[in-house]
Amino acid sequence: MVNINSIPAVDFYRWRFWAEELLNQEQSGDFTIAELDTFLQYAGGIDRLSLRLGLRQDNYPIQLSCDLPQLTRLWQQRVQERVPLQYLVGWAGWRQFTLQVTPGVLIPRPETEVLVDWVQEEIRKGNPDQGSPTGNWADLGTGSGAIAIGLGTIFPNITLHAVDCSEIALAMAKVNAQQNGLEHRIQFYHGEWFEPLHHLQGNLQGMVSNPPYIPTHQLSGLQPEVAYHEPWLALDGGSDGLDCIRILVKQGTHYLCPGGLWVVECMAGQALTIAQLLHHQGDYGHIHITKDWEGIERFVIAQRQL
């Protein structure tokens, strides 16, 4: 149960003035007043109406889900230490879901939401006269479980196999699956990529992955929220960012059934190279590249040849 702390608006806006001053002291272009309002909504549990009314009424009571000292600590962590807001509040919004996240678990990204949409579109194009797909699907490097949960919600008749080498991430993915009513349809495995799925060789109808794809030398130059706080295990793709993707290309042919779908997310500038890797492997067809919401070539899709 969330504890509610009621304080006069005048006290709250005195605190808000301090919070704005802290932003100015940092002199960082990465933060705006809108960031502060978002923080107050998520970390303080303050609705937009309270924020607006409180500006006009000094005696309007502001309801906080934490006390001001705790809110102060969280805001200092956000601004001075650049801790991601999702880690501070313990959850991230993704598609229609609220997913729990902790340090050690990659925060699910908005662009990854589109991967689920592209899978749905590929299935619609490939089977226009059939109903919901069935069979086994794998989410490799599941992290918080976001993709598996997204697919499981859209396709009620598939069985999902979610794999991750991080026990921290796997534990969180299990919690998220349970909270979204999918604990009986997603099986979880601790291991590297296809390694725990030997019993499914040749039987996967589809494989999806948001693998580590950032070149090692670029990691330290990422935004502080990412470079200092998110797990490099989920980010580091090797010297050119493609180490893990090469494994998925090579091993995917042994696990996908004929016609099985291969879908991977990548960073800007990698898609063409990945498409070439799939082509040279010789076991994939219908290779194509799709974009995210910002028009970036973000996903590579292929089918195991018949």
C-alpha atoms as a PDB file:
ATOM      1  CA  MET A   1       0.000   0.000   0.000  1.00  0.00           C
ATOM      2  CA  VAL A   2       1.284   3.461  -0.928  1.00  0.00           C
ATOM      3  CA  ASN A   3       1.618   5.892   1.968  1.00  0.00           C
ATOM      4  CA  ILE A   4       0.002   9.245   1.212  1.00  0.00           C
ATOM      5  CA  ASN A   5       1.584  12.396   2.580  1.00  0.00           C
ATOM      6  CA  SER A   6      -0.511  15.561   2.374  1.00  0.00           C
ATOM      7  CA  ILE A   7       1.319  18.891   2.456  1.00  0.00           C
ATOM      8  CA  PRO A   8       0.230  22.486   1.770  1.00  0.00           C
ATOM      9  CA  ALA A   9       0.870  23.659  -1.755  1.00  0.00           C
ATOM     10  CA  VAL A  10       3.033  26.518  -0.482  1.00  0.00           C
ATOM     11  CA  ASP A  11       5.468  24.019   1.063  1.00  0.00           C
ATOM     12  CA  PHE A  12       5.452  21.869  -2.020  1.00  0.00           C
ATOM     13  CA  TYR A  13       6.171  24.743  -4.368  1.00  0.00           C
ATOM     14  CA  ARG A  14       8.939  25.952  -2.080  1.00  0.00           C
ATOM     15  CA  TRP A  15      10.455  22.508  -2.603  1.00  0.00           C
ATOM     16  CA  ARG A  16       9.820  22.735  -6.347  1.00  0.00           C
ATOM     17  CA  PHE A  17      11.684  26.046  -6.481  1.00  0.00           C
ATOM     18  CA  TRP A  18      14.651  24.353  -4.793  1.00  0.00           C
ATOM     19  CA  ALA A  19      14.450  21.489  -7.303  1.00  0.00           C
ATOM     20  CA  GLU A  20      14.564  23.955 -10.207  1.00  0.00           C
ATOM     21  CA  GLU A  21      17.583  25.665  -8.659  1.00  0.00           C
ATOM     22  CA  LEU A  22      19.341  22.312  -8.472  1.00  0.00           C
ATOM     23  CA  LEU A  23      18.747  21.915 -12.202  1.00  0.00           C
ATOM     24  CA  ASN A  24      20.263  25.337 -12.866  1.00  0.00           C
ATOM     25  CA  GLN A  25      23.311  24.533 -10.750  1.00  0.00           C
ATOM     26  CA  GLU A  26      24.006  21.438 -12.815  1.00  0.00           C
ATOM     27  CA  GLN A  27      23.891  23.527 -16.012  1.00  0.00           C
ATOM     28  CA  SER A  28      22.981  20.468 -18.022  1.00  0.00           C
ATOM     29  CA  GLY A  29      21.042  20.784 -21.243  1.00  0.00           C
ATOM     30  CA  ASP A  30      19.748  17.257 -20.685  1.00  0.00           C
ATOM     31  CA  PHE A  31      17.165  18.405 -18.131  1.00  0.00           C
ATOM     32  CA  THR A  32      14.140  20.675 -18.488  1.00  0.00           C
ATOM     33  CA  ILE A  33      11.262  21.756 -16.271  1.00  0.00           C
ATOM     34  CA  ALA A  34       9.183  19.144 -18.066  1.00  0.00           C
ATOM     35  CA  GLU A  35      11.595  16.531 -16.709  1.00  0.00           C
ATOM     36  CA  LEU A  36      10.893  17.804 -13.193  1.00  0.00           C
ATOM     37  CA  ASP A  37       7.136  17.576 -13.714  1.00  0.00           C
ATOM     38  CA  THR A  38       7.504  14.029 -15.034  1.00  0.00           C
ATOM     39  CA  PHE A  39       9.621  13.144 -12.017  1.00  0.00           C
ATOM     40  CA  LEU A  40       6.972  14.537  -9.664  1.00  0.00           C
ATOM     41  CA  GLN A  41       4.241  12.546 -11.352  1.00  0.00           C
ATOM     42  CA  TYR A  42       6.115   9.246 -11.269  1.00  0.00           C
ATOM     43  CA  ALA A  43       8.275   9.503  -8.145  1.00  0.00           C
ATOM     44  CA  GLY A  44       5.933  11.657  -6.080  1.00  0.00           C
ATOM     45  CA  GLY A  45       2.656  10.260  -7.338  1.00  0.00           C
ATOM     46  CA  ILE A  46       1.340  13.740  -8.129  1.00  0.00           C
ATOM     47  CA  ASP A  47      -1.303  13.987 -10.831  1.00  0.00           C
ATOM     48  CA  ARG A  48      -1.290  16.749 -13.434  1.00  0.00           C
ATOM     49  CA  LEU A  49      -4.382  18.384 -11.942  1.00  0.00           C
ATOM     50  CA  SER A  50      -2.661  18.844  -8.588  1.00  0.00           C
ATOM     51  CA  LEU A  51       0.346  20.391 -10.290  1.00  0.00           C
ATOM     52  CA  ARG A  52      -1.866  22.913 -12.082  1.00  0.00           C
ATOM     53  CA  LEU A  53      -4.200  23.749  -9.212  1.00  0.00           C
ATOM     54  CA  GLY A  54      -1.367  24.070  -6.762  1.00  0.00           C
ATOM     55  CA  LEU A  55       0.121  26.865  -8.821  1.00  0.00           C
ATOM     56  CA  ARG A  56      -2.993  28.952  -8.170  1.00  0.00           C
ATOM     57  CA  GLN A  57      -4.009  27.962  -4.654  1.00  0.00           C
ATOM     58  CA  ASP A  58      -1.516  28.176  -1.816  1.00  0.00           C
ATOM     59  CA  ASN A  59      -3.854  26.280   0.483  1.00  0.00           C
ATOM     60  CA  TYR A  60      -4.517  23.484  -2.003  1.00  0.00           C
ATOM     61  CA  PRO A  61      -3.287  20.220  -0.412  1.00  0.00           C
ATOM     62  CA  ILE A  62      -0.733  18.281  -2.444  1.00  0.00           C
ATOM     63  CA  GLN A  63      -0.842  14.502  -2.052  1.00  0.00           C
ATOM     64  CA  LEU A  64       2.567  12.813  -2.229  1.00  0.00           C
ATOM     65  CA  SER A  65       3.295   9.095  -2.325  1.00  0.00           C
ATOM     66  CA  CYS A  66       6.480   9.795  -0.337  1.00  0.00           C
ATOM     67  CA  ASP A  67       7.621  12.479   2.080  1.00  0.00           C
ATOM     68  CA  LEU A  68       9.647  15.513   1.014  1.00  0.00           C
ATOM     69  CA  PRO A  69      12.986  14.229   2.397  1.00  0.00           C
ATOM     70  CA  GLN A  70      12.620  11.062   0.319  1.00  0.00           C
ATOM     71  CA  LEU A  71      11.590  13.082  -2.729  1.00  0.00           C
ATOM     72  CA  THR A  72      14.683  15.234  -2.194  1.00  0.00           C
ATOM     73  CA  ARG A  73      16.978  12.200  -2.145  1.00  0.00           C
ATOM     74  CA  LEU A  74      15.422  10.809  -5.301  1.00  0.00           C
ATOM     75  CA  TRP A  75      15.702  14.129  -7.161  1.00  0.00           C
ATOM     76  CA  GLN A  76      19.352  14.491  -6.161  1.00  0.00           C
ATOM     77  CA  GLN A  77      20.021  10.997  -7.470  1.00  0.00           C
ATOM     78  CA  ARG A  78      18.255  11.851 -10.721  1.00  0.00           C
ATOM     79  CA  VAL A  79      20.039  15.169 -11.319  1.00  0.00           C
ATOM     80  CA  GLN A  80      23.444  14.773  -9.688  1.00  0.00           C
ATOM     81  CA  GLU A  81      24.042  11.047 -10.221  1.00  0.00           C
ATOM     82  CA  ARG A  82      21.965  10.720 -13.416  1.00  0.00           C
ATOM     83  CA  VAL A  83      20.140   7.646 -12.155  1.00  0.00           C
ATOM     84  CA  PRO A  84      17.373   6.790 -14.656  1.00  0.00           C
ATOM     85  CA  LEU A  85      13.890   7.676 -13.474  1.00  0.00           C
ATOM     86  CA  GLN A  86      12.759   4.100 -14.126  1.00  0.00           C
ATOM     87  CA  TYR A  87      15.281   2.763 -11.618  1.00  0.00           C
ATOM     88  CA  LEU A  88      14.250   5.343  -9.036  1.00  0.00           C
ATOM     89  CA  VAL A  89      10.569   4.416  -9.207  1.00  0.00           C
ATOM     90  CA  GLY A  90      11.163   0.717  -9.928  1.00  0.00           C
ATOM     91  CA  TRP A  91       9.133   0.412 -13.091  1.00  0.00           C
ATOM     92  CA  ALA A  92       8.954   1.377 -16.759  1.00  0.00           C
ATOM     93  CA  GLY A  93       5.981   1.920 -19.035  1.00  0.00           C
ATOM     94  CA  TRP A  94       6.203  -0.144 -22.223  1.00  0.00           C
ATOM     95  CA  ARG A  95       3.320  -0.533 -24.676  1.00  0.00           C
ATOM     96  CA  GLN A  96       0.291  -0.997 -22.418  1.00  0.00           C
ATOM     97  CA  PHE A  97       2.332  -2.650 -19.677  1.00  0.00           C
ATOM     98  CA  THR A  98       3.915  -1.509 -16.442  1.00  0.00           C
ATOM     99  CA  LEU A  99       7.118  -3.535 -16.115  1.00  0.00           C
ATOM    100  CA  GLN A 100       9.259  -3.726 -13.013  1.00  0.00           C
ATOM    101  CA  VAL A 101      12.927  -2.872 -13.507  1.00  0.00           C
ATOM    102  CA  THR A 102      15.905  -2.646 -11.178  1.00  0.00           C
ATOM    103  CA  PRO A 103      19.583  -1.790 -11.700  1.00  0.00           C
ATOM    104  CA  GLY A 104      21.015  -4.768 -13.538  1.00  0.00           C
ATOM    105  CA  VAL A 105      18.013  -4.993 -15.862  1.00  0.00           C
ATOM    106  CA  LEU A 106      17.987  -3.069 -19.144  1.00  0.00           C
ATOM    107  CA  ILE A 107      15.190  -0.505 -19.272  1.00  0.00           C
ATOM    108  CA  PRO A 108      12.849  -1.434 -22.164  1.00  0.00           C
ATOM    109  CA  ARG A 109      12.979   1.182 -24.915  1.00  0.00           C
ATOM    110  CA  PRO A 110      10.097   2.775 -26.828  1.00  0.00           C
ATOM    111  CA  GLU A 111      11.639   1.786 -30.170  1.00  0.00           C
ATOM    112  CA  THR A 112      11.544  -1.884 -29.174  1.00  0.00           C
ATOM    113  CA  GLU A 113       7.757  -1.641 -28.938  1.00  0.00           C
ATOM    114  CA  VAL A 114       7.705  -1.519 -32.733  1.00  0.00           C
ATOM    115  CA  LEU A 115       9.391  -4.931 -32.954  1.00  0.00           C
ATOM    116  CA  VAL A 116       6.202  -6.527 -31.661  1.00  0.00           C
ATOM    117  CA  ASP A 117       4.163  -4.656 -34.275  1.00  0.00           C
ATOM    118  CA  TRP A 118       6.443  -5.821 -37.084  1.00  0.00           C
ATOM    119  CA  VAL A 119       6.153  -9.443 -35.954  1.00  0.00           C
ATOM    120  CA  GLN A 120       2.383  -9.096 -36.032  1.00  0.00           C
ATOM    121  CA  GLU A 121       2.555  -7.594 -39.520  1.00  0.00           C
ATOM    122  CA  GLU A 122       4.848 -10.349 -40.817  1.00  0.00           C
ATOM    123  CA  ILE A 123       2.501 -13.046 -39.554  1.00  0.00           C
ATOM    124  CA  ARG A 124      -0.485 -11.275 -41.084  1.00  0.00           C
ATOM    125  CA  LYS A 125       1.245 -11.067 -44.467  1.00  0.00           C
ATOM    126  CA  GLY A 126       2.431 -14.667 -44.366  1.00  0.00           C
ATOM    127  CA  ASN A 127      -0.862 -16.172 -43.202  1.00  0.00           C
ATOM    128  CA  PRO A 128      -3.665 -13.807 -44.249  1.00  0.00           C
ATOM    129  CA  ASP A 129      -6.358 -16.490 -44.035  1.00  0.00           C
ATOM    130  CA  GLN A 130      -5.253 -18.137 -40.801  1.00  0.00           C
ATOM    131  CA  GLY A 131      -6.094 -17.255 -37.231  1.00  0.00           C
ATOM    132  CA  SER A 132      -3.721 -16.650 -34.354  1.00  0.00           C
ATOM    133  CA  PRO A 133      -0.344 -18.403 -34.763  1.00  0.00           C
ATOM    134  CA  THR A 134       0.622 -21.392 -32.661  1.00  0.00           C
ATOM    135  CA  GLY A 135       3.839 -23.202 -31.826  1.00  0.00           C
ATOM    136  CA  ASN A 136       7.050 -22.287 -30.040  1.00  0.00           C
ATOM    137  CA  TRP A 137       8.672 -18.858 -30.085  1.00  0.00           C
ATOM    138  CA  ALA A 138      11.932 -17.760 -28.472  1.00  0.00           C
ATOM    139  CA  ASP A 139      12.826 -14.371 -26.989  1.00  0.00           C
ATOM    140  CA  LEU A 140      16.607 -14.442 -26.672  1.00  0.00           C
ATOM    141  CA  GLY A 141      18.117 -11.959 -24.227  1.00  0.00           C
ATOM    142  CA  THR A 142      14.703 -11.316 -22.726  1.00  0.00           C
ATOM    143  CA  GLY A 143      15.840  -8.769 -20.105  1.00  0.00           C
ATOM    144  CA  SER A 144      12.725  -7.485 -18.343  1.00  0.00           C
ATOM    145  CA  GLY A 145      10.618  -9.884 -20.418  1.00  0.00           C
ATOM    146  CA  ALA A 146       9.082  -7.039 -22.407  1.00  0.00           C
ATOM    147  CA  ILE A 147       9.107  -8.603 -25.880  1.00  0.00           C
ATOM    148  CA  ALA A 148       7.913 -12.001 -24.660  1.00  0.00           C
ATOM    149  CA  ILE A 149       5.075 -10.363 -22.737  1.00  0.00           C
ATOM    150  CA  GLY A 150       4.160  -8.220 -25.736  1.00  0.00           C
ATOM    151  CA  LEU A 151       4.033 -11.205 -28.084  1.00  0.00           C
ATOM    152  CA  GLY A 152       2.243 -13.397 -25.569  1.00  0.00           C
ATOM    153  CA  THR A 153      -0.503 -10.823 -25.171  1.00  0.00           C
ATOM    154  CA  ILE A 154      -1.070 -10.425 -28.912  1.00  0.00           C
ATOM    155  CA  PHE A 155      -0.769 -14.135 -29.759  1.00  0.00           C
ATOM    156  CA  PRO A 156      -2.654 -16.151 -27.119  1.00  0.00           C
ATOM    157  CA  ASN A 157      -1.931 -19.536 -28.707  1.00  0.00           C
ATOM    158  CA  ILE A 158       1.877 -19.508 -28.825  1.00  0.00           C
ATOM    159  CA  THR A 159       4.294 -20.891 -26.240  1.00  0.00           C
ATOM    160  CA  LEU A 160       7.170 -18.557 -25.438  1.00  0.00           C
ATOM    161  CA  HIS A 161      10.678 -19.521 -24.372  1.00  0.00           C
ATOM    162  CA  ALA A 162      12.556 -16.597 -22.807  1.00  0.00           C
ATOM    163  CA  VAL A 163      16.327 -16.856 -22.343  1.00  0.00           C
ATOM    164  CA  ASP A 164      18.793 -14.595 -20.540  1.00  0.00           C
ATOM    165  CA  CYS A 165      22.301 -15.039 -19.156  1.00  0.00           C
ATOM    166  CA  SER A 166      21.572 -12.608 -16.305  1.00  0.00           C
ATOM    167  CA  GLU A 167      19.882 -14.164 -13.296  1.00  0.00           C
ATOM    168  CA  ILE A 168      18.872 -10.678 -12.128  1.00  0.00           C
ATOM    169  CA  ALA A 169      17.084  -9.966 -15.401  1.00  0.00           C
ATOM    170  CA  LEU A 170      15.520 -13.409 -15.509  1.00  0.00           C
ATOM    171  CA  ALA A 171      14.082 -13.027 -12.010  1.00  0.00           C
ATOM    172  CA  MET A 172      12.561  -9.678 -12.964  1.00  0.00           C
ATOM    173  CA  ALA A 173      11.149 -11.090 -16.212  1.00  0.00           C
ATOM    174  CA  LYS A 174       9.395 -13.829 -14.243  1.00  0.00           C
ATOM    175  CA  VAL A 175       7.823 -11.229 -11.944  1.00  0.00           C
ATOM    176  CA  ASN A 176       6.625  -9.200 -14.934  1.00  0.00           C
ATOM    177  CA  ALA A 177       5.173 -12.267 -16.630  1.00  0.00           C
ATOM    178  CA  GLN A 178       3.259 -13.156 -13.483  1.00  0.00           C
ATOM    179  CA  GLN A 179       1.919  -9.637 -13.043  1.00  0.00           C
ATOM    180  CA  ASN A 180       0.627  -9.698 -16.616  1.00  0.00           C
ATOM    181  CA  GLY A 181      -0.958 -13.146 -16.348  1.00  0.00           C
ATOM    182  CA  LEU A 182       1.525 -14.921 -18.619  1.00  0.00           C
ATOM    183  CA  GLU A 183       3.504 -17.011 -16.133  1.00  0.00           C
ATOM    184  CA  HIS A 184       1.987 -20.249 -17.485  1.00  0.00           C
ATOM    185  CA  ARG A 185       2.727 -19.432 -21.130  1.00  0.00           C
ATOM    186  CA  ILE A 186       6.301 -18.176 -20.885  1.00  0.00           C
ATOM    187  CA  GLN A 187       9.035 -20.630 -19.943  1.00  0.00           C
ATOM    188  CA  PHE A 188      12.247 -19.088 -18.658  1.00  0.00           C
ATOM    189  CA  TYR A 189      15.794 -20.350 -19.134  1.00  0.00           C
ATOM    190  CA  HIS A 190      19.119 -19.199 -17.738  1.00  0.00           C
ATOM    191  CA  GLY A 191      21.842 -19.392 -20.369  1.00  0.00           C
ATOM    192  CA  GLU A 192      23.411 -17.978 -23.520  1.00  0.00           C
ATOM    193  CA  TRP A 193      21.174 -17.481 -26.535  1.00  0.00           C
ATOM    194  CA  PHE A 194      20.007 -20.840 -27.946  1.00  0.00           C
ATOM    195  CA  GLU A 195      22.098 -22.880 -25.496  1.00  0.00           C
ATOM    196  CA  PRO A 196      19.238 -23.917 -23.154  1.00  0.00           C
ATOM    197  CA  LEU A 197      16.885 -24.723 -26.044  1.00  0.00           C
ATOM    198  CA  HIS A 198      18.446 -27.901 -27.462  1.00  0.00           C
ATOM    199  CA  HIS A 199      15.089 -29.670 -27.141  1.00  0.00           C
ATOM    200  CA  LEU A 200      13.594 -27.157 -29.586  1.00  0.00           C
ATOM    201  CA  GLN A 201      16.019 -27.587 -32.486  1.00  0.00           C
ATOM    202  CA  GLY A 202      14.088 -27.280 -35.717  1.00  0.00           C
ATOM    203  CA  ASN A 203      10.847 -26.519 -33.864  1.00  0.00           C
ATOM    204  CA  LEU A 204      10.795 -22.757 -33.370  1.00  0.00           C
ATOM    205  CA  GLN A 205       8.149 -20.908 -35.345  1.00  0.00           C
ATOM    206  CA  GLY A 206       9.905 -17.662 -34.567  1.00  0.00           C
ATOM    207  CA  MET A 207      12.887 -16.090 -32.831  1.00  0.00           C
ATOM    208  CA  VAL A 208      13.039 -12.491 -31.656  1.00  0.00           C
ATOM    209  CA  SER A 209      15.857 -10.654 -29.937  1.00  0.00           C
ATOM    210  CA  ASN A 210      16.997  -7.244 -28.777  1.00  0.00           C
ATOM    211  CA  PRO A 211      20.633  -8.280 -28.270  1.00  0.00           C
ATOM    212  CA  PRO A 212      23.631  -6.204 -27.167  1.00  0.00           C
ATOM    213  CA  TYR A 213      24.611  -4.271 -30.289  1.00  0.00           C
ATOM    214  CA  ILE A 214      26.618  -1.241 -29.195  1.00  0.00           C
ATOM    215  CA  PRO A 215      30.329  -1.353 -30.133  1.00  0.00           C
ATOM    216  CA  THR A 216      32.494  -1.645 -27.029  1.00  0.00           C
ATOM    217  CA  HIS A 217      34.414   1.556 -27.702  1.00  0.00           C
ATOM    218  CA  GLN A 218      31.166   3.570 -27.771  1.00  0.00           C
ATOM    219  CA  LEU A 219      29.821   2.473 -24.384  1.00  0.00           C
ATOM    220  CA  SER A 220      31.641   5.025 -22.246  1.00  0.00           C
ATOM    221  CA  GLY A 221      30.371   7.836 -24.483  1.00  0.00           C
ATOM    222  CA  LEU A 222      26.698   7.020 -24.051  1.00  0.00           C
ATOM    223  CA  GLN A 223      24.365   9.187 -21.982  1.00  0.00           C
ATOM    224  CA  PRO A 224      25.343   9.013 -18.289  1.00  0.00           C
ATOM    225  CA  GLU A 225      22.038   7.309 -17.464  1.00  0.00           C
ATOM    226  CA  VAL A 226      23.030   4.456 -19.750  1.00  0.00           C
ATOM    227  CA  ALA A 227      26.814   4.381 -19.392  1.00  0.00           C
ATOM    228  CA  TYR A 228      26.886   4.647 -15.593  1.00  0.00           C
ATOM    229  CA  HIS A 229      23.770   2.764 -14.554  1.00  0.00           C
ATOM    230  CA  GLU A 230      22.475   0.268 -17.110  1.00  0.00           C
ATOM    231  CA  PRO A 231      24.100  -3.181 -17.391  1.00  0.00           C
ATOM    232  CA  TRP A 232      26.869  -3.283 -19.982  1.00  0.00           C
ATOM    233  CA  LEU A 233      26.164  -6.990 -20.295  1.00  0.00           C
ATOM    234  CA  ALA A 234      22.967  -6.031 -22.122  1.00  0.00           C
ATOM    235  CA  LEU A 235      24.667  -3.351 -24.235  1.00  0.00           C
ATOM    236  CA  ASP A 236      28.163  -4.494 -25.243  1.00  0.00           C
ATOM    237  CA  GLY A 237      28.091  -6.025 -28.715  1.00  0.00           C
ATOM    238  CA  GLY A 238      31.851  -6.375 -29.170  1.00  0.00           C
ATOM    239  CA  SER A 239      34.243  -4.458 -31.371  1.00  0.00           C
ATOM    240  CA  ASP A 240      31.705  -3.743 -34.136  1.00  0.00           C
ATOM    241  CA  GLY A 241      28.546  -4.359 -32.123  1.00  0.00           C
ATOM    242  CA  LEU A 242      27.661  -7.522 -34.030  1.00  0.00           C
ATOM    243  CA  ASP A 243      29.203 -10.327 -31.947  1.00  0.00           C
ATOM    244  CA  CYS A 244      25.900 -11.550 -30.516  1.00  0.00           C
ATOM    245  CA  ILE A 245      24.006 -11.025 -33.749  1.00  0.00           C
ATOM    246  CA  ARG A 246      26.474 -13.256 -35.611  1.00  0.00           C
ATOM    247  CA  ILE A 247      25.643 -16.025 -33.140  1.00  0.00           C
ATOM    248  CA  LEU A 248      21.933 -15.547 -33.752  1.00  0.00           C
ATOM    249  CA  VAL A 249      22.452 -15.661 -37.518  1.00  0.00           C
ATOM    250  CA  LYS A 250      24.560 -18.815 -37.394  1.00  0.00           C
ATOM    251  CA  GLN A 251      22.605 -20.782 -34.807  1.00  0.00           C
ATOM    252  CA  GLY A 252      19.155 -19.647 -35.862  1.00  0.00           C
ATOM    253  CA  THR A 253      19.182 -22.016 -38.817  1.00  0.00           C
ATOM    254  CA  HIS A 254      19.397 -25.018 -36.466  1.00  0.00           C
ATOM    255  CA  TYR A 255      16.476 -23.964 -34.293  1.00  0.00           C
ATOM    256  CA  LEU A 256      13.958 -22.371 -36.636  1.00  0.00           C
ATOM    257  CA  CYS A 257      11.588 -24.642 -38.480  1.00  0.00           C
ATOM    258  CA  PRO A 258      11.265 -24.157 -42.255  1.00  0.00           C
ATOM    259  CA  GLY A 259       9.536 -20.824 -42.748  1.00  0.00           C
ATOM    260  CA  GLY A 260      10.322 -19.774 -39.173  1.00  0.00           C
ATOM    261  CA  LEU A 261      10.655 -16.036 -38.537  1.00  0.00           C
ATOM    262  CA  TRP A 262      13.972 -14.410 -37.483  1.00  0.00           C
ATOM    263  CA  VAL A 263      13.629 -10.866 -36.069  1.00  0.00           C
ATOM    264  CA  VAL A 264      16.408  -8.812 -34.469  1.00  0.00           C
ATOM    265  CA  GLU A 265      16.740  -5.211 -33.312  1.00  0.00           C
ATOM    266  CA  CYS A 266      19.942  -3.305 -34.111  1.00  0.00           C
ATOM    267  CA  MET A 267      21.425   0.180 -33.911  1.00  0.00           C
ATOM    268  CA  ALA A 268      21.400   2.737 -36.696  1.00  0.00           C
ATOM    269  CA  GLY A 269      23.833   1.808 -39.456  1.00  0.00           C
ATOM    270  CA  GLN A 270      23.969  -1.943 -38.753  1.00  0.00           C
ATOM    271  CA  ALA A 271      20.921  -3.245 -40.603  1.00  0.00           C
ATOM    272  CA  LEU A 272      22.496  -3.631 -44.046  1.00  0.00           C
ATOM    273  CA  THR A 273      25.485  -5.522 -42.661  1.00  0.00           C
ATOM    274  CA  ILE A 274      23.172  -7.875 -40.763  1.00  0.00           C
ATOM    275  CA  ALA A 275      21.115  -8.469 -43.899  1.00  0.00           C
ATOM    276  CA  GLN A 276      24.338  -9.384 -45.696  1.00  0.00           C
ATOM    277  CA  LEU A 277      25.286 -11.796 -42.898  1.00  0.00           C
ATOM    278  CA  LEU A 278      21.919 -13.505 -43.273  1.00  0.00           C
ATOM    279  CA  HIS A 279      22.339 -13.716 -47.038  1.00  0.00           C
ATOM    280  CA  HIS A 280      25.838 -15.191 -46.802  1.00  0.00           C
ATOM    281  CA  GLN A 281      24.650 -17.763 -44.269  1.00  0.00           C
ATOM    282  CA  GLY A 282      22.620 -19.230 -47.107  1.00  0.00           C
ATOM    283  CA  ASP A 283      19.711 -20.571 -45.076  1.00  0.00           C
ATOM    284  CA  TYR A 284      17.525 -17.477 -44.932  1.00  0.00           C
ATOM    285  CA  GLY A 285      15.147 -15.887 -47.387  1.00  0.00           C
ATOM    286  CA  HIS A 286      12.743 -12.931 -47.511  1.00  0.00           C
ATOM    287  CA  ILE A 287      15.415 -10.796 -45.845  1.00  0.00           C
ATOM    288  CA  HIS A 288      14.326  -7.213 -45.318  1.00  0.00           C
ATOM    289  CA  ILE A 289      14.881  -4.180 -43.123  1.00  0.00           C
ATOM    290  CA  THR A 290      12.181  -2.229 -41.285  1.00  0.00           C
ATOM    291  CA  LYS A 291      12.165   1.056 -39.396  1.00  0.00           C
ATOM    292  CA  ASP A 292      11.197   2.306 -35.963  1.00  0.00           C
ATOM    293  CA  TRP A 293       8.918   5.265 -35.183  1.00  0.00           C
ATOM    294  CA  GLU A 294      11.704   7.746 -35.910  1.00  0.00           C
ATOM    295  CA  GLY A 295      12.415   6.315 -39.348  1.00  0.00           C
ATOM    296  CA  ILE A 296      15.659   4.606 -38.284  1.00  0.00           C
ATOM    297  CA  GLU A 297      16.440   1.223 -39.843  1.00  0.00           C
ATOM    298  CA  ARG A 298      16.090  -0.648 -36.569  1.00  0.00           C
ATOM    299  CA  PHE A 299      14.969  -4.208 -37.346  1.00  0.00           C
ATOM    300  CA  VAL A 300      16.111  -6.978 -39.652  1.00  0.00           C
ATOM    301  CA  ILE A 301      13.626  -9.709 -40.515  1.00  0.00           C
ATOM    302  CA  ALA A 302      14.173 -12.992 -42.333  1.00  0.00           C
ATOM    303  CA  GLN A 303      12.671 -16.446 -42.739  1.00  0.00           C
ATOM    304  CA  ARG A 304      14.302 -19.830 -42.483  1.00  0.00           C
ATOM    305  CA  GLN A 305      14.190 -21.193 -46.004  1.00  0.00           C
ATOM    306  CA  LEU A 306      11.862 -24.097 -46.731  1.00  0.00           C
END
